[in-house]
Amino acid sequence: MEQDSNKTEVPSVSKVADDSYESQDGLSPLAIGYAWVVRITTFCFEFAALLLLGRFVDVRFGVSPWGLIVGFVIGLFAFITGLIATIKSLEEAEERDERDRVDKRS
């Protein structure tokens, strides 16, 4: 049997999967998932806390429904700005990972 000298080495499936998931300082996909759960939960708690604070203001000072409305608006603003900041940091991390991959190949 002759050996073909032009054969290229094909990486194993596990090697390809490991390379595609490696990002965010080498964290595993499970760790990345947990980080996202913590971020989203934090946003939801901030929003709920501001709603409850607005409801407290309504009951305490008798200005219903304005405390709840103000709490909703401020909570929504905090939720959206936090989400935008998280998305921007994710985009920056992806760009950094892509630059690192290109540098490793060079």
Foldseek 3Di string as FASTA:
>chain_A
DDDDPPDDDDDDPVVVVLVVQQFDPRDGPVVVVVVVVVLLVVLVVLLVVLQVQLVVCCVVVVPPPVSNVVSNVVSVVSSVVSVVVVVVVVVVRVVVVVVVVVVVVD
